[in-house]
């Protein structure tokens, strides 16, 4: 038997720890999904603001 093949073996004791960590991260992400999307949107808008937001931010003068 080759040692490289034996070194790649992942038994249940190793896999369950990794799977538990991944499940925890996914669970927290799902609980806060709305806040995650808002934060990602703010980051994207910070680096690439849309023209529409700039046009609406200018106050208009009332005409008499």
N, C-alpha and C. Protein backbone atom coordinates (compact mmCIF):
# COMPACT_ATOMS: atom_id res chain seq x y z
N UNK A 1 0.85 -1.18 0.00
CA UNK A 1 0.00 0.00 0.00
C UNK A 1 0.89 1.24 0.00
N UNK A 2 0.49 2.24 -0.77
CA UNK A 2 1.27 3.47 -0.86
C UNK A 2 0.92 4.39 0.31
N UNK A 3 1.96 5.05 0.81
CA UNK A 3 1.78 5.94 1.95
C UNK A 3 0.93 7.16 1.58
N UNK A 4 1.08 7.68 0.36
CA UNK A 4 0.31 8.86 -0.06
C UNK A 4 -1.19 8.58 -0.03
N UNK A 5 -1.56 7.38 -0.41
CA UNK A 5 -2.97 7.02 -0.39
C UNK A 5 -3.48 6.92 1.04
N UNK A 6 -2.67 6.41 1.93
CA UNK A 6 -3.05 6.30 3.33
C UNK A 6 -3.12 7.68 4.00
N UNK A 7 -2.25 8.62 3.59
CA UNK A 7 -2.23 9.95 4.18
C UNK A 7 -3.46 10.75 3.80
N UNK A 8 -4.08 10.44 2.67
CA UNK A 8 -5.26 11.18 2.22
C UNK A 8 -6.55 10.68 2.86
N UNK A 9 -6.49 9.64 3.65
CA UNK A 9 -7.69 9.09 4.27
C UNK A 9 -8.26 10.08 5.28
N UNK A 10 -9.53 10.34 5.19
CA UNK A 10 -10.22 11.18 6.16
C UNK A 10 -11.31 10.36 6.81
N UNK A 11 -11.11 10.01 8.03
CA UNK A 11 -12.09 9.20 8.73
C UNK A 11 -13.23 10.05 9.27
N UNK A 12 -14.22 9.38 9.84
CA UNK A 12 -15.38 10.10 10.37
C UNK A 12 -15.02 11.11 11.45
N UNK A 13 -13.99 10.83 12.23
CA UNK A 13 -13.62 11.76 13.29
C UNK A 13 -13.08 13.08 12.73
N UNK A 14 -12.42 13.06 11.58
CA UNK A 14 -11.95 14.31 10.97
C UNK A 14 -13.08 15.01 10.19
N UNK A 15 -13.86 14.23 9.48
CA UNK A 15 -14.89 14.81 8.62
C UNK A 15 -16.00 15.46 9.44
N UNK A 16 -16.38 14.87 10.56
CA UNK A 16 -17.48 15.42 11.37
C UNK A 16 -17.12 16.78 11.95
N UNK A 17 -15.87 16.98 12.32
CA UNK A 17 -15.44 18.28 12.83
C UNK A 17 -15.53 19.37 11.77
N UNK A 18 -15.08 19.05 10.58
CA UNK A 18 -15.14 20.01 9.47
C UNK A 18 -16.59 20.29 9.08
N UNK A 19 -17.40 19.25 8.99
CA UNK A 19 -18.80 19.42 8.61
C UNK A 19 -19.55 20.25 9.65
N UNK A 20 -19.24 20.08 10.91
CA UNK A 20 -19.88 20.86 11.96
C UNK A 20 -19.51 22.33 11.84
N UNK A 21 -18.27 22.61 11.55
CA UNK A 21 -17.84 24.00 11.37
C UNK A 21 -18.50 24.66 10.18
N UNK A 22 -18.58 23.94 9.07
CA UNK A 22 -19.23 24.47 7.87
C UNK A 22 -20.72 24.71 8.15
N UNK A 23 -21.37 23.79 8.84
CA UNK A 23 -22.79 23.94 9.15
C UNK A 23 -23.03 25.15 10.06
N UNK A 24 -22.13 25.41 10.98
CA UNK A 24 -22.26 26.58 11.86
C UNK A 24 -22.17 27.88 11.07
N UNK A 25 -21.20 27.95 10.18
CA UNK A 25 -21.03 29.16 9.36
C UNK A 25 -22.25 29.38 8.46
N UNK A 26 -22.74 28.33 7.84
CA UNK A 26 -23.91 28.44 6.97
C UNK A 26 -25.15 28.84 7.79
N UNK A 27 -25.31 28.31 8.97
CA UNK A 27 -26.46 28.65 9.82
C UNK A 27 -26.44 30.10 10.25
N UNK A 28 -25.30 30.62 10.64
CA UNK A 28 -25.19 32.03 11.03
C UNK A 28 -25.46 32.92 9.82
N UNK A 29 -24.92 32.54 8.67
CA UNK A 29 -25.15 33.31 7.45
C UNK A 29 -26.63 33.36 7.10
N UNK A 30 -27.34 32.25 7.23
CA UNK A 30 -28.77 32.21 6.92
C UNK A 30 -29.60 33.02 7.93
N UNK A 31 -29.19 33.02 9.19
CA UNK A 31 -29.93 33.79 10.18
C UNK A 31 -29.82 35.29 9.93
N UNK A 32 -28.70 35.72 9.39
CA UNK A 32 -28.46 37.15 9.17
C UNK A 32 -28.42 37.48 7.68
N UNK A 33 -29.14 36.74 6.85
CA UNK A 33 -29.06 36.89 5.40
C UNK A 33 -29.40 38.31 4.95
N UNK A 34 -30.44 38.92 5.52
CA UNK A 34 -30.83 40.27 5.11
C UNK A 34 -29.71 41.26 5.40
N UNK A 35 -29.09 41.18 6.56
CA UNK A 35 -28.01 42.09 6.90
C UNK A 35 -26.79 41.86 6.02
N UNK A 36 -26.55 40.60 5.65
CA UNK A 36 -25.43 40.29 4.75
C UNK A 36 -25.66 40.94 3.40
N UNK A 37 -26.87 40.84 2.86
CA UNK A 37 -27.17 41.44 1.56
C UNK A 37 -27.07 42.96 1.60
N UNK A 38 -27.55 43.57 2.67
CA UNK A 38 -27.46 45.03 2.80
C UNK A 38 -26.00 45.47 2.86
N UNK A 39 -25.19 44.76 3.61
CA UNK A 39 -23.77 45.10 3.73
C UNK A 39 -23.05 44.95 2.39
N UNK A 40 -23.33 43.87 1.68
CA UNK A 40 -22.71 43.66 0.37
C UNK A 40 -23.15 44.76 -0.59
N UNK A 41 -24.41 45.14 -0.55
CA UNK A 41 -24.91 46.21 -1.40
C UNK A 41 -24.24 47.54 -1.10
N UNK A 42 -24.02 47.84 0.18
CA UNK A 42 -23.34 49.08 0.54
C UNK A 42 -21.90 49.09 0.07
N UNK A 43 -21.22 47.95 0.17
CA UNK A 43 -19.84 47.86 -0.29
C UNK A 43 -19.77 48.06 -1.80
N UNK A 44 -20.69 47.43 -2.53
CA UNK A 44 -20.71 47.56 -3.99
C UNK A 44 -21.01 49.01 -4.38
N UNK A 45 -21.97 49.64 -3.71
CA UNK A 45 -22.31 51.02 -4.02
C UNK A 45 -21.20 51.99 -3.64
N UNK A 46 -20.40 51.64 -2.65
CA UNK A 46 -19.28 52.50 -2.27
C UNK A 46 -18.25 52.57 -3.39
N UNK A 47 -17.95 51.43 -4.01
CA UNK A 47 -16.95 51.38 -5.07
C UNK A 47 -17.53 51.72 -6.44
N UNK A 48 -18.83 51.53 -6.64
CA UNK A 48 -19.44 51.76 -7.95
C UNK A 48 -20.81 52.40 -7.75
N UNK A 49 -20.85 53.70 -7.39
CA UNK A 49 -22.16 54.32 -7.16
C UNK A 49 -22.93 54.46 -8.47
N UNK A 50 -24.22 54.34 -8.37
CA UNK A 50 -25.04 54.43 -9.58
C UNK A 50 -25.34 55.88 -9.92
N UNK A 51 -25.61 56.16 -11.20
CA UNK A 51 -25.94 57.51 -11.64
C UNK A 51 -27.28 57.94 -11.06
N UNK A 52 -28.20 57.01 -10.94
CA UNK A 52 -29.55 57.33 -10.48
C UNK A 52 -29.51 57.95 -9.08
N UNK A 53 -28.68 57.44 -8.21
CA UNK A 53 -28.59 57.97 -6.85
C UNK A 53 -28.03 59.39 -6.86
N UNK A 54 -27.10 59.69 -7.76
CA UNK A 54 -26.53 61.03 -7.83
C UNK A 54 -27.56 62.03 -8.34
N UNK A 55 -28.36 61.64 -9.31
CA UNK A 55 -29.36 62.54 -9.87
C UNK A 55 -30.43 62.88 -8.84
N UNK A 56 -30.83 61.93 -8.02
CA UNK A 56 -31.88 62.16 -7.05
C UNK A 56 -31.39 62.89 -5.81
N UNK A 57 -30.09 62.93 -5.57
CA UNK A 57 -29.58 63.54 -4.35
C UNK A 57 -29.52 65.06 -4.44
N UNK A 58 -29.61 65.64 -5.63
CA UNK A 58 -29.55 67.09 -5.78
C UNK A 58 -30.92 67.69 -5.46
N UNK A 59 -30.93 68.68 -4.56
CA UNK A 59 -32.22 69.29 -4.23
C UNK A 59 -32.72 70.15 -5.40
N UNK A 60 -34.00 70.20 -5.56
CA UNK A 60 -34.58 71.00 -6.63
C UNK A 60 -35.07 72.33 -6.07
N UNK A 61 -34.92 73.37 -6.87
CA UNK A 61 -35.37 74.70 -6.46
C UNK A 61 -36.82 74.88 -6.89
N UNK A 62 -37.68 75.32 -6.00
CA UNK A 62 -39.06 75.56 -6.41
C UNK A 62 -39.14 76.79 -7.31
N UNK A 63 -39.92 76.72 -8.34
CA UNK A 63 -40.10 77.85 -9.23
C UNK A 63 -41.36 78.62 -8.84
N UNK A 64 -41.29 79.92 -8.93
CA UNK A 64 -42.45 80.73 -8.53
C UNK A 64 -43.12 81.34 -9.71
